Amino acid sequence: MAKPDDRSDNVEKLQDAIQDTIENFREGQDYLSEHADEISGEEEAQIEAKNQRRLHSIQGFREEVKDEADNAKE
């Protein structure tokens, strides 16, 4: 028997994910700022690409929060 779909804490979980992703983004930016002259161009490009993916994820999370909030109103 499948568990019932409990979405009551989805917004909270999504907001936690947003905060974690923002923190990881900032850590990546800080790392680049602090170690730019010590890392290879390849490593720098990898970190920048990862941060771009993080920004995309944050946008997606925010859209999901909006969807969840809209569904909660119904």
PDB file of N, CA and C in Angstrom:
ATOM      1  N   MET A   1       0.847  -1.182   0.000  1.00  0.00           N
ATOM      2  CA  MET A   1       0.000   0.000   0.000  1.00  0.00           C
ATOM      3  C   MET A   1       0.893   1.246   0.000  1.00  0.00           C
ATOM      4  N   ALA A   2       0.613   2.160  -0.875  1.00  0.00           N
ATOM      5  CA  ALA A   2       1.413   3.380  -0.993  1.00  0.00           C
ATOM      6  C   ALA A   2       1.073   4.343   0.136  1.00  0.00           C
ATOM      7  N   LYS A   3       2.105   5.097   0.525  1.00  0.00           N
ATOM      8  CA  LYS A   3       1.887   6.122   1.550  1.00  0.00           C
ATOM      9  C   LYS A   3       1.074   7.268   0.946  1.00  0.00           C
ATOM     10  N   PRO A   4       0.251   7.907   1.774  1.00  0.00           N
ATOM     11  CA  PRO A   4      -0.475   9.070   1.264  1.00  0.00           C
ATOM     12  C   PRO A   4       0.511  10.205   0.942  1.00  0.00           C
ATOM     13  N   ASP A   5       0.145  11.032  -0.017  1.00  0.00           N
ATOM     14  CA  ASP A   5       1.001  12.137  -0.452  1.00  0.00           C
ATOM     15  C   ASP A   5       0.876  13.283   0.540  1.00  0.00           C
ATOM     16  N   ASP A   6       1.884  13.447   1.400  1.00  0.00           N
ATOM     17  CA  ASP A   6       1.883  14.528   2.392  1.00  0.00           C
ATOM     18  C   ASP A   6       2.788  15.640   1.896  1.00  0.00           C
ATOM     19  N   ARG A   7       2.180  16.703   1.411  1.00  0.00           N
ATOM     20  CA  ARG A   7       2.930  17.824   0.857  1.00  0.00           C
ATOM     21  C   ARG A   7       2.980  19.003   1.813  1.00  0.00           C
ATOM     22  N   SER A   8       2.570  18.795   3.044  1.00  0.00           N
ATOM     23  CA  SER A   8       2.417  19.906   3.977  1.00  0.00           C
ATOM     24  C   SER A   8       3.722  20.637   4.278  1.00  0.00           C
ATOM     25  N   ASP A   9       4.850  19.943   4.158  1.00  0.00           N
ATOM     26  CA  ASP A   9       6.123  20.606   4.475  1.00  0.00           C
ATOM     27  C   ASP A   9       7.005  20.808   3.241  1.00  0.00           C
ATOM     28  N   ASN A  10       6.434  20.683   2.052  1.00  0.00           N
ATOM     29  CA  ASN A  10       7.226  20.844   0.830  1.00  0.00           C
ATOM     30  C   ASN A  10       7.855  22.226   0.723  1.00  0.00           C
ATOM     31  N   VAL A  11       7.091  23.279   1.037  1.00  0.00           N
ATOM     32  CA  VAL A  11       7.615  24.641   0.923  1.00  0.00           C
ATOM     33  C   VAL A  11       8.811  24.810   1.856  1.00  0.00           C
ATOM     34  N   GLU A  12       8.684  24.311   3.066  1.00  0.00           N
ATOM     35  CA  GLU A  12       9.787  24.416   4.036  1.00  0.00           C
ATOM     36  C   GLU A  12      11.028  23.677   3.524  1.00  0.00           C
ATOM     37  N   LYS A  13      10.834  22.487   2.997  1.00  0.00           N
ATOM     38  CA  LYS A  13      11.964  21.716   2.470  1.00  0.00           C
ATOM     39  C   LYS A  13      12.602  22.422   1.275  1.00  0.00           C
ATOM     40  N   LEU A  14      11.772  22.996   0.410  1.00  0.00           N
ATOM     41  CA  LEU A  14      12.304  23.727  -0.738  1.00  0.00           C
ATOM     42  C   LEU A  14      13.074  24.974  -0.289  1.00  0.00           C
ATOM     43  N   GLN A  15      12.567  25.668   0.707  1.00  0.00           N
ATOM     44  CA  GLN A  15      13.260  26.850   1.208  1.00  0.00           C
ATOM     45  C   GLN A  15      14.603  26.470   1.832  1.00  0.00           C
ATOM     46  N   ASP A  16      14.645  25.353   2.531  1.00  0.00           N
ATOM     47  CA  ASP A  16      15.921  24.865   3.076  1.00  0.00           C
ATOM     48  C   ASP A  16      16.893  24.557   1.939  1.00  0.00           C
ATOM     49  N   ALA A  17      16.391  23.933   0.881  1.00  0.00           N
ATOM     50  CA  ALA A  17      17.243  23.613  -0.268  1.00  0.00           C
ATOM     51  C   ALA A  17      17.767  24.888  -0.926  1.00  0.00           C
ATOM     52  N   ILE A  18      16.915  25.904  -1.015  1.00  0.00           N
ATOM     53  CA  ILE A  18      17.348  27.189  -1.581  1.00  0.00           C
ATOM     54  C   ILE A  18      18.477  27.778  -0.735  1.00  0.00           C
ATOM     55  N   GLN A  19      18.287  27.792   0.576  1.00  0.00           N
ATOM     56  CA  GLN A  19      19.309  28.361   1.461  1.00  0.00           C
ATOM     57  C   GLN A  19      20.623  27.592   1.349  1.00  0.00           C
ATOM     58  N   ASP A  20      20.545  26.273   1.317  1.00  0.00           N
ATOM     59  CA  ASP A  20      21.761  25.454   1.189  1.00  0.00           C
ATOM     60  C   ASP A  20      22.478  25.738  -0.134  1.00  0.00           C
ATOM     61  N   THR A  21      21.706  25.861  -1.195  1.00  0.00           N
ATOM     62  CA  THR A  21      22.292  26.097  -2.514  1.00  0.00           C
ATOM     63  C   THR A  21      22.906  27.484  -2.591  1.00  0.00           C
ATOM     64  N   ILE A  22      22.248  28.482  -1.993  1.00  0.00           N
ATOM     65  CA  ILE A  22      22.822  29.832  -1.950  1.00  0.00           C
ATOM     66  C   ILE A  22      24.134  29.823  -1.173  1.00  0.00           C
ATOM     67  N   GLU A  23      24.152  29.112  -0.061  1.00  0.00           N
ATOM     68  CA  GLU A  23      25.371  29.018   0.743  1.00  0.00           C
ATOM     69  C   GLU A  23      26.502  28.360  -0.066  1.00  0.00           C
ATOM     70  N   ASN A  24      26.189  27.293  -0.773  1.00  0.00           N
ATOM     71  CA  ASN A  24      27.200  26.621  -1.595  1.00  0.00           C
ATOM     72  C   ASN A  24      27.687  27.537  -2.723  1.00  0.00           C
ATOM     73  N   PHE A  25      26.769  28.298  -3.319  1.00  0.00           N
ATOM     74  CA  PHE A  25      27.141  29.254  -4.355  1.00  0.00           C
ATOM     75  C   PHE A  25      28.130  30.279  -3.790  1.00  0.00           C
ATOM     76  N   ARG A  26      27.804  30.834  -2.638  1.00  0.00           N
ATOM     77  CA  ARG A  26      28.678  31.840  -2.011  1.00  0.00           C
ATOM     78  C   ARG A  26      30.043  31.255  -1.662  1.00  0.00           C
ATOM     79  N   GLU A  27      30.042  30.032  -1.170  1.00  0.00           N
ATOM     80  CA  GLU A  27      31.323  29.385  -0.858  1.00  0.00           C
ATOM     81  C   GLU A  27      32.159  29.214  -2.123  1.00  0.00           C
ATOM     82  N   GLY A  28      31.516  28.863  -3.225  1.00  0.00           N
ATOM     83  CA  GLY A  28      32.229  28.742  -4.495  1.00  0.00           C
ATOM     84  C   GLY A  28      32.804  30.077  -4.930  1.00  0.00           C
ATOM     85  N   GLN A  29      32.005  31.137  -4.815  1.00  0.00           N
ATOM     86  CA  GLN A  29      32.471  32.475  -5.171  1.00  0.00           C
ATOM     87  C   GLN A  29      33.638  32.902  -4.281  1.00  0.00           C
ATOM     88  N   ASP A  30      33.509  32.663  -2.980  1.00  0.00           N
ATOM     89  CA  ASP A  30      34.579  33.016  -2.039  1.00  0.00           C
ATOM     90  C   ASP A  30      35.861  32.263  -2.363  1.00  0.00           C
ATOM     91  N   TYR A  31      35.703  30.974  -2.674  1.00  0.00           N
ATOM     92  CA  TYR A  31      36.871  30.162  -3.018  1.00  0.00           C
ATOM     93  C   TYR A  31      37.574  30.736  -4.243  1.00  0.00           C
ATOM     94  N   LEU A  32      36.795  31.102  -5.251  1.00  0.00           N
ATOM     95  CA  LEU A  32      37.387  31.690  -6.457  1.00  0.00           C
ATOM     96  C   LEU A  32      38.096  32.996  -6.130  1.00  0.00           C
ATOM     97  N   SER A  33      37.486  33.810  -5.298  1.00  0.00           N
ATOM     98  CA  SER A  33      38.087  35.097  -4.941  1.00  0.00           C
ATOM     99  C   SER A  33      39.393  34.914  -4.174  1.00  0.00           C
ATOM    100  N   GLU A  34      39.399  33.973  -3.265  1.00  0.00           N
ATOM    101  CA  GLU A  34      40.559  33.772  -2.399  1.00  0.00           C
ATOM    102  C   GLU A  34      41.702  33.019  -3.078  1.00  0.00           C
ATOM    103  N   HIS A  35      41.379  32.171  -4.053  1.00  0.00           N
ATOM    104  CA  HIS A  35      42.396  31.284  -4.618  1.00  0.00           C
ATOM    105  C   HIS A  35      42.554  31.437  -6.130  1.00  0.00           C
ATOM    106  N   ALA A  36      42.071  32.534  -6.675  1.00  0.00           N
ATOM    107  CA  ALA A  36      42.093  32.719  -8.129  1.00  0.00           C
ATOM    108  C   ALA A  36      43.490  32.569  -8.712  1.00  0.00           C
ATOM    109  N   ASP A  37      44.514  33.047  -7.987  1.00  0.00           N
ATOM    110  CA  ASP A  37      45.877  32.974  -8.514  1.00  0.00           C
ATOM    111  C   ASP A  37      46.546  31.631  -8.242  1.00  0.00           C
ATOM    112  N   GLU A  38      45.856  30.745  -7.518  1.00  0.00           N
ATOM    113  CA  GLU A  38      46.447  29.456  -7.149  1.00  0.00           C
ATOM    114  C   GLU A  38      45.831  28.270  -7.898  1.00  0.00           C
ATOM    115  N   ILE A  39      44.683  28.475  -8.533  1.00  0.00           N
ATOM    116  CA  ILE A  39      44.002  27.346  -9.165  1.00  0.00           C
ATOM    117  C   ILE A  39      44.165  27.406 -10.682  1.00  0.00           C
ATOM    118  N   SER A  40      43.995  26.259 -11.303  1.00  0.00           N
ATOM    119  CA  SER A  40      44.117  26.184 -12.756  1.00  0.00           C
ATOM    120  C   SER A  40      42.879  26.791 -13.413  1.00  0.00           C
ATOM    121  N   GLY A  41      43.028  27.140 -14.660  1.00  0.00           N
ATOM    122  CA  GLY A  41      41.898  27.650 -15.420  1.00  0.00           C
ATOM    123  C   GLY A  41      40.783  26.637 -15.511  1.00  0.00           C
ATOM    124  N   GLU A  42      41.168  25.370 -15.600  1.00  0.00           N
ATOM    125  CA  GLU A  42      40.173  24.298 -15.672  1.00  0.00           C
ATOM    126  C   GLU A  42      39.354  24.218 -14.385  1.00  0.00           C
ATOM    127  N   GLU A  43      40.043  24.290 -13.238  1.00  0.00           N
ATOM    128  CA  GLU A  43      39.334  24.239 -11.956  1.00  0.00           C
ATOM    129  C   GLU A  43      38.425  25.459 -11.803  1.00  0.00           C
ATOM    130  N   GLU A  44      38.914  26.609 -12.208  1.00  0.00           N
ATOM    131  CA  GLU A  44      38.106  27.831 -12.142  1.00  0.00           C
ATOM    132  C   GLU A  44      36.849  27.686 -13.009  1.00  0.00           C
ATOM    133  N   ALA A  45      37.023  27.154 -14.205  1.00  0.00           N
ATOM    134  CA  ALA A  45      35.887  26.959 -15.110  1.00  0.00           C
ATOM    135  C   ALA A  45      34.885  25.968 -14.524  1.00  0.00           C
ATOM    136  N   GLN A  46      35.381  24.918 -13.865  1.00  0.00           N
ATOM    137  CA  GLN A  46      34.490  23.924 -13.252  1.00  0.00           C
ATOM    138  C   GLN A  46      33.659  24.543 -12.136  1.00  0.00           C
ATOM    139  N   ILE A  47      34.312  25.373 -11.317  1.00  0.00           N
ATOM    140  CA  ILE A  47      33.595  26.027 -10.209  1.00  0.00           C
ATOM    141  C   ILE A  47      32.564  27.009 -10.759  1.00  0.00           C
ATOM    142  N   GLU A  48      32.951  27.769 -11.780  1.00  0.00           N
ATOM    143  CA  GLU A  48      32.013  28.716 -12.378  1.00  0.00           C
ATOM    144  C   GLU A  48      30.821  27.991 -13.009  1.00  0.00           C
ATOM    145  N   ALA A  49      31.082  26.860 -13.658  1.00  0.00           N
ATOM    146  CA  ALA A  49      29.998  26.082 -14.259  1.00  0.00           C
ATOM    147  C   ALA A  49      29.068  25.524 -13.170  1.00  0.00           C
ATOM    148  N   LYS A  50      29.664  25.053 -12.094  1.00  0.00           N
ATOM    149  CA  LYS A  50      28.857  24.515 -10.989  1.00  0.00           C
ATOM    150  C   LYS A  50      27.990  25.625 -10.392  1.00  0.00           C
ATOM    151  N   ASN A  51      28.559  26.827 -10.260  1.00  0.00           N
ATOM    152  CA  ASN A  51      27.773  27.927  -9.713  1.00  0.00           C
ATOM    153  C   ASN A  51      26.648  28.336 -10.659  1.00  0.00           C
ATOM    154  N   GLN A  52      26.867  28.234 -11.960  1.00  0.00           N
ATOM    155  CA  GLN A  52      25.788  28.517 -12.909  1.00  0.00           C
ATOM    156  C   GLN A  52      24.661  27.499 -12.735  1.00  0.00           C
ATOM    157  N   ARG A  53      25.027  26.242 -12.536  1.00  0.00           N
ATOM    158  CA  ARG A  53      24.008  25.208 -12.298  1.00  0.00           C
ATOM    159  C   ARG A  53      23.268  25.485 -10.990  1.00  0.00           C
ATOM    160  N   ARG A  54      24.000  25.964  -9.988  1.00  0.00           N
ATOM    161  CA  ARG A  54      23.359  26.304  -8.715  1.00  0.00           C
ATOM    162  C   ARG A  54      22.337  27.424  -8.906  1.00  0.00           C
ATOM    163  N   LEU A  55      22.700  28.448  -9.668  1.00  0.00           N
ATOM    164  CA  LEU A  55      21.761  29.547  -9.924  1.00  0.00           C
ATOM    165  C   LEU A  55      20.513  29.026 -10.626  1.00  0.00           C
ATOM    166  N   HIS A  56      20.708  28.124 -11.566  1.00  0.00           N
ATOM    167  CA  HIS A  56      19.573  27.524 -12.281  1.00  0.00           C
ATOM    168  C   HIS A  56      18.708  26.730 -11.298  1.00  0.00           C
ATOM    169  N   SER A  57      19.340  25.997 -10.395  1.00  0.00           N
ATOM    170  CA  SER A  57      18.600  25.214  -9.403  1.00  0.00           C
ATOM    171  C   SER A  57      17.795  26.119  -8.477  1.00  0.00           C
ATOM    172  N   ILE A  58      18.403  27.218  -8.055  1.00  0.00           N
ATOM    173  CA  ILE A  58      17.713  28.154  -7.171  1.00  0.00           C
ATOM    174  C   ILE A  58      16.457  28.677  -7.857  1.00  0.00           C
ATOM    175  N   GLN A  59      16.581  29.022  -9.123  1.00  0.00           N
ATOM    176  CA  GLN A  59      15.427  29.504  -9.881  1.00  0.00           C
ATOM    177  C   GLN A  59      14.335  28.431  -9.926  1.00  0.00           C
ATOM    178  N   GLY A  60      14.743  27.202 -10.182  1.00  0.00           N
ATOM    179  CA  GLY A  60      13.779  26.101 -10.217  1.00  0.00           C
ATOM    180  C   GLY A  60      13.111  25.875  -8.873  1.00  0.00           C
ATOM    181  N   PHE A  61      13.894  25.928  -7.796  1.00  0.00           N
ATOM    182  CA  PHE A  61      13.331  25.770  -6.454  1.00  0.00           C
ATOM    183  C   PHE A  61      12.299  26.861  -6.177  1.00  0.00           C
ATOM    184  N   ARG A  62      12.629  28.091  -6.553  1.00  0.00           N
ATOM    185  CA  ARG A  62      11.706  29.209  -6.309  1.00  0.00           C
ATOM    186  C   ARG A  62      10.408  29.028  -7.090  1.00  0.00           C
ATOM    187  N   GLU A  63      10.501  28.506  -8.309  1.00  0.00           N
ATOM    188  CA  GLU A  63       9.292  28.226  -9.085  1.00  0.00           C
ATOM    189  C   GLU A  63       8.456  27.134  -8.411  1.00  0.00           C
ATOM    190  N   GLU A  64       9.131  26.130  -7.855  1.00  0.00           N
ATOM    191  CA  GLU A  64       8.414  25.067  -7.148  1.00  0.00           C
ATOM    192  C   GLU A  64       7.724  25.604  -5.906  1.00  0.00           C
ATOM    193  N   VAL A  65       8.396  26.513  -5.172  1.00  0.00           N
ATOM    194  CA  VAL A  65       7.781  27.118  -3.988  1.00  0.00           C
ATOM    195  C   VAL A  65       6.509  27.850  -4.397  1.00  0.00           C
ATOM    196  N   LYS A  66       6.597  28.608  -5.487  1.00  0.00           N
ATOM    197  CA  LYS A  66       5.417  29.336  -5.969  1.00  0.00           C
ATOM    198  C   LYS A  66       4.305  28.360  -6.333  1.00  0.00           C
ATOM    199  N   ASP A  67       4.646  27.281  -7.030  1.00  0.00           N
ATOM    200  CA  ASP A  67       3.640  26.272  -7.389  1.00  0.00           C
ATOM    201  C   ASP A  67       2.996  25.655  -6.144  1.00  0.00           C
ATOM    202  N   GLU A  68       3.817  25.331  -5.164  1.00  0.00           N
ATOM    203  CA  GLU A  68       3.300  24.742  -3.920  1.00  0.00           C
ATOM    204  C   GLU A  68       2.381  25.722  -3.202  1.00  0.00           C
ATOM    205  N   ALA A  69       2.781  26.993  -3.169  1.00  0.00           N
ATOM    206  CA  ALA A  69       1.957  28.003  -2.503  1.00  0.00           C
ATOM    207  C   ALA A  69       0.634  28.169  -3.243  1.00  0.00           C
ATOM    208  N   ASP A  70       0.690  28.163  -4.573  1.00  0.00           N
ATOM    209  CA  ASP A  70      -0.545  28.273  -5.368  1.00  0.00           C
ATOM    210  C   ASP A  70      -1.453  27.070  -5.130  1.00  0.00           C
ATOM    211  N   ASN A  71      -0.865  25.882  -5.048  1.00  0.00           N
ATOM    212  CA  ASN A  71      -1.665  24.665  -4.819  1.00  0.00           C
ATOM    213  C   ASN A  71      -2.258  24.631  -3.426  1.00  0.00           C
ATOM    214  N   ALA A  72      -1.573  25.219  -2.468  1.00  0.00           N
ATOM    215  CA  ALA A  72      -2.078  25.248  -1.104  1.00  0.00           C
ATOM    216  C   ALA A  72      -3.324  26.121  -0.992  1.00  0.00           C
ATOM    217  N   LYS A  73      -3.432  27.112  -1.885  1.00  0.00           N
ATOM    218  CA  LYS A  73      -4.587  28.014  -1.863  1.00  0.00           C
ATOM    219  C   LYS A  73      -5.850  27.335  -2.393  1.00  0.00           C
ATOM    220  N   GLU A  74      -5.658  26.313  -3.209  1.00  0.00           N
ATOM    221  CA  GLU A  74      -6.806  25.653  -3.865  1.00  0.00           C
ATOM    222  C   GLU A  74      -7.554  24.747  -2.916  1.00  0.00           C
TER     223      GLU A  74
END
